[in-house]
């Protein structure tokens, strides 16, 4: 992260305003994405699609945490509790995905093809990496670990959408219903890793977010 001590107060104000704009966009987009994904997932009995919708809910909560932090007079003071809240969001998502995928593998439910789910996944793959990159750079310049952690939450959305797209496509084209749950489990492992790092405050972003 950059040294926040070198920032002018005017620049710091601009960056904090940028964080608030990102948070606002994230909340609005993910509310719509969550509703569409959960409805489509319920219709298709898709573990990956429902998990994706719940991830969108968690992203809204994560963004709300950042909005709360940056509404305080001294945002840096509240960085640790903000990071802990984001970590808990990661763990919650992973727990649900593991449980739901286990039920699917046991034959309790079987995912049906979902064309709407494929469209949702493609949109997320296009939008989320760009938003995450802007937020990461803003957080790095501010020296805010919690903002970078929230950017990683957005990146997780992109990873999840890619994994979900593969699972939904395999189910639609090849009839592999189990691919839906396998794709979700891959992301569950990623969510656990990210949650542990956020809890510890180890949120230096991966190389894919280093955009000049």
C-alpha atoms as a PDB file:
ATOM      1  CA  UNK A   1       0.000   0.000   0.000  1.00  0.00           C
ATOM      2  CA  UNK A   2       1.062   3.586  -0.564  1.00  0.00           C
ATOM      3  CA  UNK A   3       2.116   5.848   2.273  1.00  0.00           C
ATOM      4  CA  UNK A   4      -1.060   7.766   3.254  1.00  0.00           C
ATOM      5  CA  UNK A   5       1.062  10.312   5.120  1.00  0.00           C
ATOM      6  CA  UNK A   6       2.173  11.843   1.808  1.00  0.00           C
ATOM      7  CA  UNK A   7      -1.388  12.666   0.701  1.00  0.00           C
ATOM      8  CA  UNK A   8      -2.710  16.209   0.807  1.00  0.00           C
ATOM      9  CA  UNK A   9      -5.989  16.727   2.608  1.00  0.00           C
ATOM     10  CA  UNK A  10      -7.646  17.666  -0.695  1.00  0.00           C
ATOM     11  CA  UNK A  11      -6.489  14.428  -2.330  1.00  0.00           C
ATOM     12  CA  UNK A  12      -7.582  12.407   0.695  1.00  0.00           C
ATOM     13  CA  UNK A  13     -11.042  13.978   0.438  1.00  0.00           C
ATOM     14  CA  UNK A  14     -11.278  13.062  -3.254  1.00  0.00           C
ATOM     15  CA  UNK A  15     -10.253   9.461  -2.545  1.00  0.00           C
ATOM     16  CA  UNK A  16     -12.770   9.104   0.272  1.00  0.00           C
ATOM     17  CA  UNK A  17     -15.475  10.446  -2.032  1.00  0.00           C
ATOM     18  CA  UNK A  18     -14.411   7.859  -4.631  1.00  0.00           C
ATOM     19  CA  UNK A  19     -14.777   5.116  -2.038  1.00  0.00           C
ATOM     20  CA  UNK A  20     -18.305   6.287  -1.273  1.00  0.00           C
ATOM     21  CA  UNK A  21     -19.218   6.291  -4.990  1.00  0.00           C
ATOM     22  CA  UNK A  22     -17.832   2.761  -5.411  1.00  0.00           C
ATOM     23  CA  UNK A  23     -19.739   1.596  -2.358  1.00  0.00           C
ATOM     24  CA  UNK A  24     -22.961   3.115  -3.697  1.00  0.00           C
ATOM     25  CA  UNK A  25     -22.560   1.442  -7.080  1.00  0.00           C
ATOM     26  CA  UNK A  26     -21.648  -1.895  -5.484  1.00  0.00           C
ATOM     27  CA  UNK A  27     -24.708  -1.883  -3.261  1.00  0.00           C
ATOM     28  CA  UNK A  28     -27.101  -0.982  -6.092  1.00  0.00           C
ATOM     29  CA  UNK A  29     -25.668  -3.462  -8.595  1.00  0.00           C
ATOM     30  CA  UNK A  30     -25.441  -6.335  -6.154  1.00  0.00           C
ATOM     31  CA  UNK A  31     -28.973  -5.904  -4.831  1.00  0.00           C
ATOM     32  CA  UNK A  32     -30.247  -6.415  -8.382  1.00  0.00           C
ATOM     33  CA  UNK A  33     -27.788  -9.256  -9.003  1.00  0.00           C
ATOM     34  CA  UNK A  34     -28.721 -10.998  -5.747  1.00  0.00           C
ATOM     35  CA  UNK A  35     -32.446 -10.954  -6.485  1.00  0.00           C
ATOM     36  CA  UNK A  36     -31.997 -12.193 -10.072  1.00  0.00           C
ATOM     37  CA  UNK A  37     -29.496 -14.918  -9.082  1.00  0.00           C
ATOM     38  CA  UNK A  38     -31.441 -16.290  -6.143  1.00  0.00           C
ATOM     39  CA  UNK A  39     -34.718 -16.371  -8.102  1.00  0.00           C
ATOM     40  CA  UNK A  40     -33.033 -18.055 -11.095  1.00  0.00           C
ATOM     41  CA  UNK A  41     -31.115 -20.408  -8.807  1.00  0.00           C
ATOM     42  CA  UNK A  42     -34.224 -21.467  -6.934  1.00  0.00           C
ATOM     43  CA  UNK A  43     -36.014 -22.143 -10.218  1.00  0.00           C
ATOM     44  CA  UNK A  44     -33.122 -24.290 -11.493  1.00  0.00           C
ATOM     45  CA  UNK A  45     -32.107 -25.808  -8.102  1.00  0.00           C
ATOM     46  CA  UNK A  46     -28.629 -24.469  -8.845  1.00  0.00           C
ATOM     47  CA  UNK A  47     -26.267 -24.458  -5.850  1.00  0.00           C
ATOM     48  CA  UNK A  48     -23.720 -22.292  -7.670  1.00  0.00           C
ATOM     49  CA  UNK A  49     -26.322 -19.761  -8.785  1.00  0.00           C
ATOM     50  CA  UNK A  50     -27.909 -19.439  -5.329  1.00  0.00           C
ATOM     51  CA  UNK A  51     -24.425 -19.158  -3.810  1.00  0.00           C
ATOM     52  CA  UNK A  52     -23.642 -16.431  -6.304  1.00  0.00           C
ATOM     53  CA  UNK A  53     -26.771 -14.568  -5.240  1.00  0.00           C
ATOM     54  CA  UNK A  54     -25.831 -14.916  -1.585  1.00  0.00           C
ATOM     55  CA  UNK A  55     -22.334 -13.708  -2.402  1.00  0.00           C
ATOM     56  CA  UNK A  56     -23.971 -10.605  -3.849  1.00  0.00           C
ATOM     57  CA  UNK A  57     -25.840 -10.144  -0.567  1.00  0.00           C
ATOM     58  CA  UNK A  58     -22.550 -10.459   1.324  1.00  0.00           C
ATOM     59  CA  UNK A  59     -20.939  -7.930  -1.010  1.00  0.00           C
ATOM     60  CA  UNK A  60     -23.740  -5.502  -0.149  1.00  0.00           C
ATOM     61  CA  UNK A  61     -23.038  -6.052   3.551  1.00  0.00           C
ATOM     62  CA  UNK A  62     -19.307  -5.630   2.953  1.00  0.00           C
ATOM     63  CA  UNK A  63     -19.890  -2.389   1.043  1.00  0.00           C
ATOM     64  CA  UNK A  64     -22.171  -1.194   3.835  1.00  0.00           C
ATOM     65  CA  UNK A  65     -19.366  -1.840   6.323  1.00  0.00           C
ATOM     66  CA  UNK A  66     -17.001   0.327   4.256  1.00  0.00           C
ATOM     67  CA  UNK A  67     -19.691   3.014   3.941  1.00  0.00           C
ATOM     68  CA  UNK A  68     -20.080   2.974   7.718  1.00  0.00           C
ATOM     69  CA  UNK A  69     -16.317   3.160   8.242  1.00  0.00           C
ATOM     70  CA  UNK A  70     -15.920   6.137   5.894  1.00  0.00           C
ATOM     71  CA  UNK A  71     -18.838   7.955   7.495  1.00  0.00           C
ATOM     72  CA  UNK A  72     -16.776   8.183  10.707  1.00  0.00           C
ATOM     73  CA  UNK A  73     -14.675  11.216  11.470  1.00  0.00           C
ATOM     74  CA  UNK A  74     -11.510   9.056  11.607  1.00  0.00           C
ATOM     75  CA  UNK A  75     -12.017   6.081   9.205  1.00  0.00           C
ATOM     76  CA  UNK A  76      -8.603   4.543   9.919  1.00  0.00           C
ATOM     77  CA  UNK A  77      -9.558   4.070  13.572  1.00  0.00           C
ATOM     78  CA  UNK A  78     -12.342   1.676  12.533  1.00  0.00           C
ATOM     79  CA  UNK A  79     -10.281  -0.369  10.089  1.00  0.00           C
ATOM     80  CA  UNK A  80      -9.867  -3.476  12.277  1.00  0.00           C
ATOM     81  CA  UNK A  81     -13.583  -4.023  13.012  1.00  0.00           C
ATOM     82  CA  UNK A  82     -14.354  -3.373   9.335  1.00  0.00           C
ATOM     83  CA  UNK A  83     -11.842  -6.046   8.303  1.00  0.00           C
ATOM     84  CA  UNK A  84     -13.282  -8.506  10.817  1.00  0.00           C
ATOM     85  CA  UNK A  85     -16.800  -7.946   9.468  1.00  0.00           C
ATOM     86  CA  UNK A  86     -15.603  -8.553   5.901  1.00  0.00           C
ATOM     87  CA  UNK A  87     -13.819 -11.741   7.003  1.00  0.00           C
ATOM     88  CA  UNK A  88     -16.985 -13.056   8.631  1.00  0.00           C
ATOM     89  CA  UNK A  89     -18.830 -12.397   5.365  1.00  0.00           C
ATOM     90  CA  UNK A  90     -16.295 -14.580   3.502  1.00  0.00           C
ATOM     91  CA  UNK A  91     -16.648 -17.391   6.055  1.00  0.00           C
ATOM     92  CA  UNK A  92     -20.444 -17.242   5.901  1.00  0.00           C
ATOM     93  CA  UNK A  93     -20.452 -17.596   2.135  1.00  0.00           C
ATOM     94  CA  UNK A  94     -18.009 -20.519   2.231  1.00  0.00           C
ATOM     95  CA  UNK A  95     -20.069 -22.316   4.881  1.00  0.00           C
ATOM     96  CA  UNK A  96     -23.255 -22.071   2.853  1.00  0.00           C
ATOM     97  CA  UNK A  97     -21.611 -23.199  -0.384  1.00  0.00           C
ATOM     98  CA  UNK A  98     -20.028 -26.257   1.253  1.00  0.00           C
ATOM     99  CA  UNK A  99     -23.335 -27.297   2.840  1.00  0.00           C
ATOM    100  CA  UNK A 100     -25.392 -26.759  -0.307  1.00  0.00           C
ATOM    101  CA  UNK A 101     -22.851 -28.496  -2.549  1.00  0.00           C
ATOM    102  CA  UNK A 102     -22.760 -31.462  -0.169  1.00  0.00           C
ATOM    103  CA  UNK A 103     -26.539 -31.828  -0.414  1.00  0.00           C
ATOM    104  CA  UNK A 104     -26.291 -31.654  -4.193  1.00  0.00           C
ATOM    105  CA  UNK A 105     -23.581 -34.320  -4.383  1.00  0.00           C
ATOM    106  CA  UNK A 106     -25.706 -36.513  -2.073  1.00  0.00           C
ATOM    107  CA  UNK A 107     -28.518 -36.349  -4.600  1.00  0.00           C
ATOM    108  CA  UNK A 108     -30.902 -34.312  -2.458  1.00  0.00           C
ATOM    109  CA  UNK A 109     -31.202 -31.728  -5.243  1.00  0.00           C
ATOM    110  CA  UNK A 110     -30.100 -31.701  -8.892  1.00  0.00           C
ATOM    111  CA  UNK A 111     -29.393 -28.531 -10.819  1.00  0.00           C
ATOM    112  CA  UNK A 112     -31.268 -27.840 -14.050  1.00  0.00           C
ATOM    113  CA  UNK A 113     -29.859 -25.694 -16.908  1.00  0.00           C
ATOM    114  CA  UNK A 114     -30.285 -21.929 -16.377  1.00  0.00           C
ATOM    115  CA  UNK A 115     -29.842 -19.608 -19.393  1.00  0.00           C
ATOM    116  CA  UNK A 116     -30.581 -16.594 -17.167  1.00  0.00           C
ATOM    117  CA  UNK A 117     -27.793 -17.689 -14.819  1.00  0.00           C
ATOM    118  CA  UNK A 118     -25.341 -17.762 -17.719  1.00  0.00           C
ATOM    119  CA  UNK A 119     -26.283 -14.185 -18.654  1.00  0.00           C
ATOM    120  CA  UNK A 120     -25.841 -13.024 -15.034  1.00  0.00           C
ATOM    121  CA  UNK A 121     -22.418 -14.670 -14.820  1.00  0.00           C
ATOM    122  CA  UNK A 122     -21.244 -13.028 -18.055  1.00  0.00           C
ATOM    123  CA  UNK A 123     -22.335  -9.575 -16.869  1.00  0.00           C
ATOM    124  CA  UNK A 124     -20.464 -10.015 -13.598  1.00  0.00           C
ATOM    125  CA  UNK A 125     -17.317 -11.154 -15.418  1.00  0.00           C
ATOM    126  CA  UNK A 126     -17.350  -7.929 -17.415  1.00  0.00           C
ATOM    127  CA  UNK A 127     -18.241  -5.467 -14.621  1.00  0.00           C
ATOM    128  CA  UNK A 128     -16.716  -6.656 -11.344  1.00  0.00           C
ATOM    129  CA  UNK A 129     -12.980  -6.819 -12.222  1.00  0.00           C
ATOM    130  CA  UNK A 130     -13.012  -3.189 -13.364  1.00  0.00           C
ATOM    131  CA  UNK A 131     -14.797  -1.953 -10.252  1.00  0.00           C
ATOM    132  CA  UNK A 132     -12.474  -4.011  -8.041  1.00  0.00           C
ATOM    133  CA  UNK A 133      -9.425  -2.526  -9.769  1.00  0.00           C
ATOM    134  CA  UNK A 134     -10.594   1.053  -9.179  1.00  0.00           C
ATOM    135  CA  UNK A 135     -11.371   0.325  -5.540  1.00  0.00           C
ATOM    136  CA  UNK A 136      -8.048  -1.434  -5.014  1.00  0.00           C
ATOM    137  CA  UNK A 137      -6.055   1.493  -6.364  1.00  0.00           C
ATOM    138  CA  UNK A 138      -8.085   3.936  -4.289  1.00  0.00           C
ATOM    139  CA  UNK A 139      -7.570   1.867  -1.140  1.00  0.00           C
ATOM    140  CA  UNK A 140      -3.858   1.511  -1.821  1.00  0.00           C
ATOM    141  CA  UNK A 141      -3.429   5.265  -2.205  1.00  0.00           C
ATOM    142  CA  UNK A 142      -5.407   5.879   0.968  1.00  0.00           C
ATOM    143  CA  UNK A 143      -3.439   3.185   2.800  1.00  0.00           C
ATOM    144  CA  UNK A 144      -6.749   1.539   3.769  1.00  0.00           C
ATOM    145  CA  UNK A 145      -6.605  -2.217   4.289  1.00  0.00           C
ATOM    146  CA  UNK A 146     -10.385  -2.431   4.665  1.00  0.00           C
ATOM    147  CA  UNK A 147     -11.007  -0.796   1.279  1.00  0.00           C
ATOM    148  CA  UNK A 148      -8.555  -3.235  -0.348  1.00  0.00           C
ATOM    149  CA  UNK A 149     -10.316  -6.110   1.424  1.00  0.00           C
ATOM    150  CA  UNK A 150     -13.632  -4.945   0.000  1.00  0.00           C
ATOM    151  CA  UNK A 151     -12.012  -4.817  -3.458  1.00  0.00           C
ATOM    152  CA  UNK A 152     -10.997  -8.436  -2.992  1.00  0.00           C
ATOM    153  CA  UNK A 153     -14.607  -9.196  -2.138  1.00  0.00           C
ATOM    154  CA  UNK A 154     -15.544  -7.791  -5.543  1.00  0.00           C
ATOM    155  CA  UNK A 155     -12.798  -9.837  -7.179  1.00  0.00           C
ATOM    156  CA  UNK A 156     -14.208 -12.929  -5.488  1.00  0.00           C
ATOM    157  CA  UNK A 157     -17.487 -12.110  -7.236  1.00  0.00           C
ATOM    158  CA  UNK A 158     -15.674 -12.220 -10.579  1.00  0.00           C
ATOM    159  CA  UNK A 159     -14.006 -15.543  -9.713  1.00  0.00           C
ATOM    160  CA  UNK A 160     -17.332 -16.929  -8.563  1.00  0.00           C
ATOM    161  CA  UNK A 161     -19.068 -15.789 -11.739  1.00  0.00           C
ATOM    162  CA  UNK A 162     -16.387 -17.443 -13.874  1.00  0.00           C
ATOM    163  CA  UNK A 163     -16.622 -20.687 -11.942  1.00  0.00           C
ATOM    164  CA  UNK A 164     -20.407 -20.536 -12.034  1.00  0.00           C
ATOM    165  CA  UNK A 165     -20.361 -19.909 -15.783  1.00  0.00           C
ATOM    166  CA  UNK A 166     -18.292 -23.041 -16.345  1.00  0.00           C
ATOM    167  CA  UNK A 167     -20.605 -25.108 -14.152  1.00  0.00           C
ATOM    168  CA  UNK A 168     -23.789 -23.790 -15.744  1.00  0.00           C
ATOM    169  CA  UNK A 169     -22.386 -24.233 -19.249  1.00  0.00           C
ATOM    170  CA  UNK A 170     -21.303 -27.813 -18.529  1.00  0.00           C
ATOM    171  CA  UNK A 171     -24.757 -28.578 -17.178  1.00  0.00           C
ATOM    172  CA  UNK A 172     -26.546 -26.924 -20.116  1.00  0.00           C
ATOM    173  CA  UNK A 173     -24.346 -28.371 -22.881  1.00  0.00           C
ATOM    174  CA  UNK A 174     -23.268 -31.723 -21.440  1.00  0.00           C
ATOM    175  CA  UNK A 175     -25.886 -32.492 -18.817  1.00  0.00           C
ATOM    176  CA  UNK A 176     -23.283 -32.542 -16.026  1.00  0.00           C
ATOM    177  CA  UNK A 177     -25.424 -31.427 -13.088  1.00  0.00           C
ATOM    178  CA  UNK A 178     -22.578 -32.164 -10.648  1.00  0.00           C
ATOM    179  CA  UNK A 179     -20.393 -29.509 -12.340  1.00  0.00           C
ATOM    180  CA  UNK A 180     -22.598 -26.832 -10.782  1.00  0.00           C
ATOM    181  CA  UNK A 181     -21.668 -27.871  -7.239  1.00  0.00           C
ATOM    182  CA  UNK A 182     -18.026 -28.568  -8.089  1.00  0.00           C
ATOM    183  CA  UNK A 183     -17.651 -25.022  -9.399  1.00  0.00           C
ATOM    184  CA  UNK A 184     -19.175 -23.645  -6.203  1.00  0.00           C
ATOM    185  CA  UNK A 185     -16.778 -25.650  -4.001  1.00  0.00           C
ATOM    186  CA  UNK A 186     -13.749 -24.184  -5.770  1.00  0.00           C
ATOM    187  CA  UNK A 187     -14.934 -20.724  -4.815  1.00  0.00           C
ATOM    188  CA  UNK A 188     -15.679 -21.824  -1.247  1.00  0.00           C
ATOM    189  CA  UNK A 189     -11.990 -22.648  -0.792  1.00  0.00           C
ATOM    190  CA  UNK A 190     -11.038 -19.258  -2.206  1.00  0.00           C
ATOM    191  CA  UNK A 191     -13.500 -17.536   0.149  1.00  0.00           C
ATOM    192  CA  UNK A 192     -11.999 -19.262   3.197  1.00  0.00           C
ATOM    193  CA  UNK A 193      -8.501 -18.154   2.188  1.00  0.00           C
ATOM    194  CA  UNK A 194      -9.621 -14.572   1.669  1.00  0.00           C
ATOM    195  CA  UNK A 195     -11.519 -14.583   4.949  1.00  0.00           C
ATOM    196  CA  UNK A 196      -8.461 -15.698   6.906  1.00  0.00           C
ATOM    197  CA  UNK A 197      -6.298 -13.009   5.307  1.00  0.00           C
ATOM    198  CA  UNK A 198      -8.880 -10.293   5.968  1.00  0.00           C
ATOM    199  CA  UNK A 199      -9.193 -11.405   9.608  1.00  0.00           C
ATOM    200  CA  UNK A 200      -5.426 -11.160  10.015  1.00  0.00           C
ATOM    201  CA  UNK A 201      -5.254  -7.870   8.139  1.00  0.00           C
ATOM    202  CA  UNK A 202      -3.159  -9.469   5.383  1.00  0.00           C
ATOM    203  CA  UNK A 203      -4.921  -7.869   2.448  1.00  0.00           C
ATOM    204  CA  UNK A 204      -2.170  -7.005  -0.041  1.00  0.00           C
ATOM    205  CA  UNK A 205      -4.044  -7.609  -3.298  1.00  0.00           C
ATOM    206  CA  UNK A 206      -3.154 -10.351  -5.802  1.00  0.00           C
ATOM    207  CA  UNK A 207      -1.291  -9.519  -8.990  1.00  0.00           C
ATOM    208  CA  UNK A 208      -4.449  -9.422 -11.068  1.00  0.00           C
ATOM    209  CA  UNK A 209      -5.454  -6.228  -9.286  1.00  0.00           C
ATOM    210  CA  UNK A 210      -2.192  -4.391  -9.927  1.00  0.00           C
ATOM    211  CA  UNK A 211      -3.356  -2.160 -12.771  1.00  0.00           C
ATOM    212  CA  UNK A 212      -1.461   1.056 -13.559  1.00  0.00           C
END
